[in-house]
Amino acid sequence: MFQLRGSLSRTQSIVLGLIGLVLFVLVWWILAEALAVQRPVVDGYTTRIPSPAEAAEQGINLDSLLRADSIRYEEATEFTKVYPILPTPGQVLKAFPDLVNSKRMIPNALLSVWRNLQGYFWAVLICIPIGFIIGLYPIFKGLFSKQVDALRYLPLTALVGMFITWFGIGESMKVSFLAFGIIVYLLPTVIQRIREVEEVYLRTVFTLGATDWQTIRSVYIPSVMAKLMDDIRVLTAISWTYIIIAELLNKQGGIGALIYDAGRRGQIPDVFAILLVIIVIGFLQDRLFVYLDNRLFPHKHFKRKLNGIQEIAYGIYTALGAVILYLLLMGVFNIFGLSGAGFLTTALLLLVVASIAMVIFGELRVRNAAQQAEKS
């Protein structure tokens, strides 16, 4: 366990992970207690001072009120512990029922996830073809590579006003802002991954007499997409940062609006509870990308072809295609004011369900193949 770049067994990883979690919670609790303060419990003490206009209207003498409050404060004999900076783990856990029941945290979280996924779909849909064109052909590289590299230095939060001007303050603005935030980082990465394709593969297909399209299909696309999945995983944290910023505008639901309201009201346990929810969602999203990477690019992780991988890939590509088609058609329906969106949603939902069934079937085949390999 102390060897440089050593590996842990599965049991060691689980045990050490649990110990690390306990230590983290313990340090959290110690810090919360250390930062806690004692405040007196005073009957009739008010923390809100009336404005001069209110005092004049109600006949209140502000000097007398403040003097009376100060006397009550100084003569207090009972104190209570409060946590103005860092709540305890117990307080954060107690905040969840109210967030779920009164503040609709689950629907707001699902809305943010949907916006996040839409931003990813549009960003990937734009970056991959444009990135391949710029990365593969010298004429487009010369024309646009410098501009693409310069995108990384854009202060995206300063562009919020422009997106409001272009798209309004509705749903399209939030998704567009998130997609642009991902494009800024993803597009230069696609071009860089094309440059990193190993020359030995290109020489091999050239020797075999492959055309330009065959070279792109058999070498560039598999190589770039296999590496790009790891880059998309890294963008998960960035995407959640921008979705929180977008949801602060107009506050039409979403976990960003929820955490902003909790922070303004000084509900610190609620803020930490929502942050934990974001962390869990980000972790699950990361695991989803890991799964897609394992199943769509098995050559990176397995030494032999597994039965069922093809069915899983077909199911995943079909589900992704259905979602992209839904987003494209819904955009057309909204622009031209067409009807029939309900039927379209139902049809594509059935297609997604069928795709998931295909993925499950493929997973069963992979599991059976793995069990048979262990027996043999």
Protein backbone atom coordinates (compact mmCIF):
# COMPACT_ATOMS: atom_id res chain seq x y z
CA MET A 1 0.00 0.00 0.00
CA PHE A 2 3.05 2.31 0.25
CA GLN A 3 4.65 1.24 -3.02
CA LEU A 4 5.07 3.95 -5.64
CA ARG A 5 2.13 3.70 -8.05
CA GLY A 6 1.13 0.44 -6.39
CA SER A 7 -2.30 -1.12 -6.84
CA LEU A 8 -4.92 -2.05 -4.27
CA SER A 9 -7.11 -5.11 -4.20
CA ARG A 10 -10.88 -4.66 -4.41
CA THR A 11 -11.27 -5.37 -0.69
CA GLN A 12 -8.54 -2.88 0.22
CA SER A 13 -10.13 -0.22 -1.97
CA ILE A 14 -13.53 -0.66 -0.30
CA VAL A 15 -12.16 -0.69 3.25
CA LEU A 16 -9.88 2.29 2.72
CA GLY A 17 -12.67 4.17 0.97
CA LEU A 18 -14.99 3.68 3.96
CA ILE A 19 -12.25 4.70 6.40
CA GLY A 20 -11.54 7.80 4.32
CA LEU A 21 -15.24 8.73 4.33
CA VAL A 22 -15.41 8.37 8.11
CA LEU A 23 -12.30 10.52 8.53
CA PHE A 24 -13.73 13.17 6.20
CA VAL A 25 -17.01 13.36 8.14
CA LEU A 26 -15.10 13.47 11.43
CA VAL A 27 -12.89 16.36 10.29
CA TRP A 28 -16.00 18.12 8.97
CA TRP A 29 -17.74 17.76 12.35
CA ILE A 30 -14.67 18.95 14.28
CA LEU A 31 -14.35 22.05 12.09
CA ALA A 32 -18.06 22.82 12.44
CA GLU A 33 -17.83 22.60 16.22
CA ALA A 34 -14.67 24.69 16.29
CA LEU A 35 -16.33 27.45 14.24
CA ALA A 36 -19.57 27.39 16.23
CA VAL A 37 -20.44 30.34 18.47
CA GLN A 38 -22.57 30.77 21.57
CA ARG A 39 -25.42 33.23 21.23
CA PRO A 40 -27.67 34.33 24.07
CA VAL A 41 -31.31 33.34 24.17
CA VAL A 42 -33.17 36.61 24.81
CA ASP A 43 -36.97 36.96 25.05
CA GLY A 44 -38.26 39.92 23.12
CA TYR A 45 -34.94 40.49 21.39
CA THR A 46 -35.32 41.43 17.73
CA THR A 47 -32.62 40.99 15.12
CA ARG A 48 -34.38 43.28 12.64
CA ILE A 49 -34.14 47.02 13.26
CA PRO A 50 -37.07 49.04 11.84
CA SER A 51 -36.21 51.63 9.25
CA PRO A 52 -36.59 55.32 10.25
CA ALA A 53 -39.77 55.52 8.16
CA GLU A 54 -41.25 52.44 9.86
CA ALA A 55 -40.25 53.73 13.29
CA ALA A 56 -41.89 57.10 12.62
CA GLU A 57 -45.05 55.44 11.28
CA GLN A 58 -45.37 53.10 14.27
CA GLY A 59 -44.26 55.63 16.88
CA ILE A 60 -41.11 53.70 17.84
CA ASN A 61 -38.12 55.39 19.40
CA LEU A 62 -35.13 53.68 17.80
CA ASP A 63 -32.70 54.73 20.53
CA SER A 64 -34.95 53.30 23.24
CA LEU A 65 -35.46 50.07 21.27
CA LEU A 66 -31.74 49.54 20.74
CA ARG A 67 -30.99 50.37 24.38
CA ALA A 68 -33.60 47.87 25.61
CA ASP A 69 -32.30 45.17 23.31
CA SER A 70 -28.74 45.77 24.49
CA ILE A 71 -29.78 45.42 28.12
CA ARG A 72 -31.61 42.15 27.41
CA TYR A 73 -28.57 40.88 25.49
CA GLU A 74 -26.14 41.69 28.31
CA GLU A 75 -28.36 40.19 31.03
CA ALA A 76 -28.98 36.91 29.20
CA THR A 77 -28.33 33.78 31.26
CA GLU A 78 -29.13 31.14 28.66
CA PHE A 79 -27.04 30.51 25.55
CA THR A 80 -27.45 28.37 22.46
CA LYS A 81 -24.84 27.09 20.03
CA VAL A 82 -25.22 28.20 16.41
CA TYR A 83 -23.20 27.33 13.31
CA PRO A 84 -23.05 30.49 11.14
CA ILE A 85 -20.14 29.36 8.95
CA LEU A 86 -20.08 25.55 8.67
CA PRO A 87 -23.04 23.32 9.60
CA THR A 88 -22.54 19.89 11.10
CA PRO A 89 -23.16 16.74 9.00
CA GLY A 90 -26.28 16.10 11.07
CA GLN A 91 -27.74 19.51 10.24
CA VAL A 92 -27.10 18.94 6.55
CA LEU A 93 -28.89 15.59 6.67
CA LYS A 94 -31.85 17.16 8.51
CA ALA A 95 -32.16 19.73 5.72
CA PHE A 96 -32.99 17.10 3.08
CA PRO A 97 -36.65 16.36 4.06
CA ASP A 98 -37.62 20.03 3.81
CA LEU A 99 -35.74 20.41 0.53
CA VAL A 100 -37.46 17.38 -0.96
CA ASN A 101 -40.97 18.11 0.31
CA SER A 102 -41.26 21.89 0.41
CA LYS A 103 -38.71 23.09 -2.11
CA ARG A 104 -39.11 20.36 -4.75
CA MET A 105 -35.43 19.53 -4.91
CA ILE A 106 -35.86 16.34 -6.96
CA PRO A 107 -37.81 17.99 -9.85
CA ASN A 108 -35.36 20.91 -9.82
CA ALA A 109 -32.38 18.54 -9.89
CA LEU A 110 -33.89 16.57 -12.79
CA LEU A 111 -34.51 19.83 -14.68
CA SER A 112 -30.86 20.80 -14.23
CA VAL A 113 -29.72 17.36 -15.38
CA TRP A 114 -31.88 17.66 -18.51
CA ARG A 115 -30.44 21.09 -19.26
CA ASN A 116 -26.95 19.71 -18.69
CA LEU A 117 -27.51 16.82 -21.08
CA GLN A 118 -28.96 19.14 -23.72
CA GLY A 119 -25.89 21.34 -23.48
CA TYR A 120 -23.65 18.29 -23.89
CA PHE A 121 -25.59 17.01 -26.91
CA TRP A 122 -25.47 20.33 -28.73
CA ALA A 123 -21.81 20.91 -27.87
CA VAL A 124 -20.71 17.47 -29.06
CA LEU A 125 -22.90 17.73 -32.15
CA ILE A 126 -21.21 21.01 -33.09
CA CYS A 127 -17.64 20.32 -31.98
CA ILE A 128 -17.03 16.94 -33.62
CA PRO A 129 -17.72 17.87 -37.29
CA ILE A 130 -16.16 21.33 -37.01
CA GLY A 131 -13.18 19.97 -35.09
CA PHE A 132 -12.56 17.26 -37.67
CA ILE A 133 -12.77 19.72 -40.55
CA ILE A 134 -10.29 22.12 -38.95
CA GLY A 135 -8.00 19.39 -37.66
CA LEU A 136 -7.82 17.34 -40.86
CA TYR A 137 -7.58 19.91 -43.65
CA PRO A 138 -4.69 22.40 -43.64
CA ILE A 139 -6.69 25.13 -45.38
CA PHE A 140 -9.27 25.26 -42.59
CA LYS A 141 -6.54 24.87 -39.95
CA GLY A 142 -4.81 27.93 -41.34
CA LEU A 143 -8.04 29.90 -41.50
CA PHE A 144 -9.56 29.11 -38.11
CA SER A 145 -7.13 27.35 -35.72
CA LYS A 146 -5.94 30.59 -34.11
CA GLN A 147 -9.48 31.77 -33.51
CA VAL A 148 -10.44 28.43 -31.97
CA ASP A 149 -7.45 28.53 -29.64
CA ALA A 150 -8.38 32.06 -28.61
CA LEU A 151 -11.82 30.84 -27.45
CA ARG A 152 -10.21 29.39 -24.33
CA TYR A 153 -9.48 32.87 -23.00
CA LEU A 154 -13.06 34.13 -23.20
CA PRO A 155 -14.51 35.14 -19.79
CA LEU A 156 -17.78 33.28 -20.24
CA THR A 157 -19.55 34.85 -17.27
CA ALA A 158 -19.07 38.24 -18.96
CA LEU A 159 -21.02 36.98 -21.98
CA VAL A 160 -24.24 36.30 -20.08
CA GLY A 161 -25.70 39.64 -21.16
CA MET A 162 -25.04 38.84 -24.82
CA PHE A 163 -26.81 35.49 -24.52
CA ILE A 164 -29.79 37.21 -22.91
CA THR A 165 -29.88 39.64 -25.84
CA TRP A 166 -29.65 36.82 -28.39
CA PHE A 167 -31.91 34.17 -26.80
CA GLY A 168 -33.98 36.01 -24.18
CA ILE A 169 -34.16 34.78 -20.59
CA GLY A 170 -35.96 31.51 -21.23
CA GLU A 171 -34.88 27.91 -21.54
CA SER A 172 -33.06 28.35 -24.85
CA MET A 173 -30.69 30.90 -23.30
CA LYS A 174 -29.72 28.54 -20.48
CA VAL A 175 -29.05 25.59 -22.78
CA SER A 176 -27.20 27.77 -25.33
CA PHE A 177 -24.98 29.30 -22.66
CA LEU A 178 -24.13 25.87 -21.27
CA ALA A 179 -23.43 24.45 -24.73
CA PHE A 180 -21.16 27.38 -25.58
CA GLY A 181 -19.31 26.94 -22.29
CA ILE A 182 -18.55 23.32 -23.24
CA ILE A 183 -17.72 24.19 -26.87
CA VAL A 184 -15.05 26.67 -25.77
CA TYR A 185 -13.06 23.82 -24.19
CA LEU A 186 -14.14 20.86 -26.31
CA LEU A 187 -13.51 22.24 -29.81
CA PRO A 188 -9.76 22.90 -29.32
CA THR A 189 -9.51 19.50 -27.65
CA VAL A 190 -10.97 17.73 -30.69
CA ILE A 191 -8.42 19.42 -32.94
CA GLN A 192 -5.60 18.50 -30.56
CA ARG A 193 -6.71 14.85 -30.44
CA ILE A 194 -6.60 14.70 -34.24
CA ARG A 195 -3.00 15.90 -34.16
CA GLU A 196 -2.15 13.16 -31.63
CA VAL A 197 -3.25 10.26 -33.87
CA GLU A 198 -0.19 8.01 -34.16
CA GLU A 199 1.58 8.07 -37.51
CA VAL A 200 2.02 4.29 -37.58
CA TYR A 201 -1.71 3.76 -38.05
CA LEU A 202 -1.87 6.30 -40.85
CA ARG A 203 1.04 4.68 -42.66
CA THR A 204 -0.55 1.25 -42.26
CA VAL A 205 -3.84 2.23 -43.90
CA PHE A 206 -1.95 4.18 -46.57
CA THR A 207 0.04 1.05 -47.37
CA LEU A 208 -3.20 -0.91 -47.64
CA GLY A 209 -4.48 1.61 -50.19
CA ALA A 210 -7.16 3.26 -48.07
CA THR A 211 -8.92 6.35 -49.42
CA ASP A 212 -9.22 9.57 -47.44
CA TRP A 213 -12.70 8.66 -46.24
CA GLN A 214 -11.59 5.15 -45.26
CA THR A 215 -8.67 6.66 -43.33
CA ILE A 216 -11.02 9.01 -41.49
CA ARG A 217 -13.53 6.25 -40.73
CA SER A 218 -11.08 3.53 -39.68
CA VAL A 219 -8.31 5.55 -37.99
CA TYR A 220 -9.21 9.11 -37.10
CA ILE A 221 -12.75 8.63 -35.79
CA PRO A 222 -12.01 5.62 -33.51
CA SER A 223 -8.77 7.11 -32.20
CA VAL A 224 -10.13 10.59 -31.55
CA MET A 225 -13.45 9.48 -30.05
CA ALA A 226 -11.75 7.00 -27.74
CA LYS A 227 -9.63 9.78 -26.22
CA LEU A 228 -12.38 12.37 -26.39
CA MET A 229 -14.55 10.43 -23.97
CA ASP A 230 -12.01 11.09 -21.22
CA ASP A 231 -11.99 14.78 -22.10
CA ILE A 232 -15.78 14.94 -21.92
CA ARG A 233 -15.62 13.40 -18.44
CA VAL A 234 -13.30 16.20 -17.32
CA LEU A 235 -15.81 18.77 -18.60
CA THR A 236 -18.49 17.50 -16.18
CA ALA A 237 -17.40 19.88 -13.42
CA ILE A 238 -17.17 22.81 -15.84
CA SER A 239 -20.64 22.12 -17.23
CA TRP A 240 -22.19 22.17 -13.76
CA THR A 241 -20.48 25.46 -12.99
CA TYR A 242 -22.07 27.08 -16.04
CA ILE A 243 -25.50 25.53 -15.50
CA ILE A 244 -25.59 27.04 -12.02
CA ILE A 245 -24.73 30.46 -13.48
CA ALA A 246 -27.39 30.13 -16.18
CA GLU A 247 -30.09 29.09 -13.72
CA LEU A 248 -29.52 32.16 -11.56
CA LEU A 249 -31.01 34.22 -14.41
CA ASN A 250 -34.78 34.44 -14.34
CA LYS A 251 -34.73 31.51 -11.86
CA GLN A 252 -37.16 29.28 -13.77
CA GLY A 253 -36.48 26.24 -11.63
CA GLY A 254 -33.32 24.19 -11.45
CA ILE A 255 -30.88 23.40 -8.70
CA GLY A 256 -28.89 26.58 -9.38
CA ALA A 257 -31.88 28.78 -8.54
CA LEU A 258 -32.55 26.63 -5.47
CA ILE A 259 -29.03 27.01 -4.07
CA TYR A 260 -29.04 30.75 -4.81
CA ASP A 261 -32.26 31.28 -2.84
CA ALA A 262 -30.96 29.20 0.06
CA GLY A 263 -27.73 31.21 0.16
CA ARG A 264 -29.51 34.57 0.13
CA ARG A 265 -31.71 33.50 3.04
CA GLY A 266 -28.72 32.33 5.06
CA GLN A 267 -29.88 28.71 5.07
CA ILE A 268 -26.37 27.28 5.23
CA PRO A 269 -27.40 23.63 5.87
CA ASP A 270 -29.63 23.77 2.79
CA VAL A 271 -26.73 25.11 0.71
CA PHE A 272 -24.46 22.27 1.79
CA ALA A 273 -27.21 19.70 1.20
CA ILE A 274 -27.72 20.97 -2.36
CA LEU A 275 -23.96 20.93 -2.93
CA LEU A 276 -23.90 17.27 -1.88
CA VAL A 277 -26.69 16.56 -4.38
CA ILE A 278 -24.66 18.24 -7.15
CA ILE A 279 -21.61 16.16 -6.19
CA VAL A 280 -23.66 12.94 -6.32
CA ILE A 281 -25.14 13.88 -9.70
CA GLY A 282 -21.68 14.72 -11.04
CA PHE A 283 -20.34 11.40 -9.78
CA LEU A 284 -23.18 9.47 -11.43
CA GLN A 285 -22.66 11.41 -14.65
CA ASP A 286 -18.96 10.55 -14.53
CA ARG A 287 -19.80 6.85 -14.02
CA LEU A 288 -22.14 7.04 -17.03
CA PHE A 289 -19.28 8.33 -19.20
CA VAL A 290 -17.03 5.57 -17.86
CA TYR A 291 -19.65 2.98 -18.82
CA LEU A 292 -20.04 4.47 -22.30
CA ASP A 293 -16.27 4.46 -22.72
CA ASN A 294 -16.04 0.79 -21.71
CA ARG A 295 -18.80 -0.31 -24.05
CA LEU A 296 -18.27 1.92 -27.08
CA PHE A 297 -14.46 1.58 -27.09
CA PRO A 298 -13.80 -1.90 -25.68
CA HIS A 299 -10.37 -2.09 -27.31
CA LYS A 300 -9.13 0.35 -24.64
CA HIS A 301 -10.09 -1.94 -21.77
CA PHE A 302 -10.31 -5.56 -22.99
CA LYS A 303 -7.81 -7.77 -24.74
CA ARG A 304 -10.42 -9.78 -26.63
CA LYS A 305 -13.80 -9.20 -28.21
CA LEU A 306 -16.72 -9.84 -25.86
CA ASN A 307 -20.03 -11.32 -26.93
CA GLY A 308 -22.81 -8.76 -26.57
CA ILE A 309 -20.65 -5.66 -27.03
CA GLN A 310 -22.10 -5.09 -30.51
CA GLU A 311 -25.68 -5.15 -29.21
CA ILE A 312 -24.78 -2.73 -26.43
CA ALA A 313 -23.16 -0.32 -28.89
CA TYR A 314 -26.19 -0.45 -31.19
CA GLY A 315 -28.50 0.24 -28.25
CA ILE A 316 -26.43 3.17 -27.01
CA TYR A 317 -26.10 4.72 -30.47
CA THR A 318 -29.84 4.32 -31.07
CA ALA A 319 -30.72 5.98 -27.75
CA LEU A 320 -28.30 8.85 -28.39
CA GLY A 321 -29.66 9.25 -31.91
CA ALA A 322 -33.22 9.35 -30.60
CA VAL A 323 -32.36 12.08 -28.09
CA ILE A 324 -30.52 14.14 -30.71
CA LEU A 325 -33.41 13.72 -33.15
CA TYR A 326 -35.83 14.81 -30.42
CA LEU A 327 -33.83 17.96 -29.70
CA LEU A 328 -33.52 18.83 -33.38
CA LEU A 329 -37.20 18.26 -34.16
CA MET A 330 -38.38 20.07 -31.03
CA GLY A 331 -36.31 23.06 -32.13
CA VAL A 332 -37.99 22.97 -35.55
CA PHE A 333 -41.44 22.62 -33.94
CA ASN A 334 -40.79 25.62 -31.67
CA ILE A 335 -39.41 27.81 -34.46
CA PHE A 336 -42.28 27.17 -36.91
CA GLY A 337 -45.03 26.68 -34.30
CA LEU A 338 -45.92 23.19 -35.55
CA SER A 339 -48.10 20.72 -33.68
CA GLY A 340 -47.64 17.01 -33.07
CA ALA A 341 -44.85 17.27 -30.49
CA GLY A 342 -46.71 14.90 -28.16
CA PHE A 343 -46.79 12.09 -30.72
CA LEU A 344 -43.12 12.71 -31.52
CA THR A 345 -42.16 12.53 -27.84
CA THR A 346 -44.04 9.26 -27.37
CA ALA A 347 -42.49 7.65 -30.45
CA LEU A 348 -38.96 8.61 -29.52
CA LEU A 349 -39.53 7.53 -25.91
CA LEU A 350 -40.55 4.08 -27.12
CA LEU A 351 -37.39 4.00 -29.26
CA VAL A 352 -35.28 4.85 -26.20
CA VAL A 353 -36.99 2.10 -24.19
CA ALA A 354 -36.27 -0.40 -26.97
CA SER A 355 -32.64 0.78 -27.02
CA ILE A 356 -32.33 0.25 -23.27
CA ALA A 357 -33.77 -3.27 -23.68
CA MET A 358 -31.12 -3.96 -26.33
CA VAL A 359 -28.39 -2.71 -23.98
CA ILE A 360 -29.67 -4.96 -21.18
CA PHE A 361 -29.70 -7.93 -23.57
CA GLY A 362 -26.13 -7.18 -24.56
CA GLU A 363 -25.06 -6.89 -20.92
CA LEU A 364 -26.54 -10.31 -20.19
CA ARG A 365 -24.54 -11.76 -23.07
CA VAL A 366 -21.36 -10.10 -21.80
CA ARG A 367 -22.00 -11.49 -18.32
CA ASN A 368 -22.63 -14.99 -19.60
CA ALA A 369 -19.46 -14.85 -21.72
CA ALA A 370 -17.45 -13.73 -18.68
CA GLN A 371 -18.85 -16.56 -16.55
CA GLN A 372 -18.05 -19.14 -19.20
CA ALA A 373 -14.51 -17.76 -19.50
CA GLU A 374 -14.02 -18.13 -15.74
CA LYS A 375 -15.24 -21.74 -15.78
CA SER A 376 -12.93 -22.67 -18.64
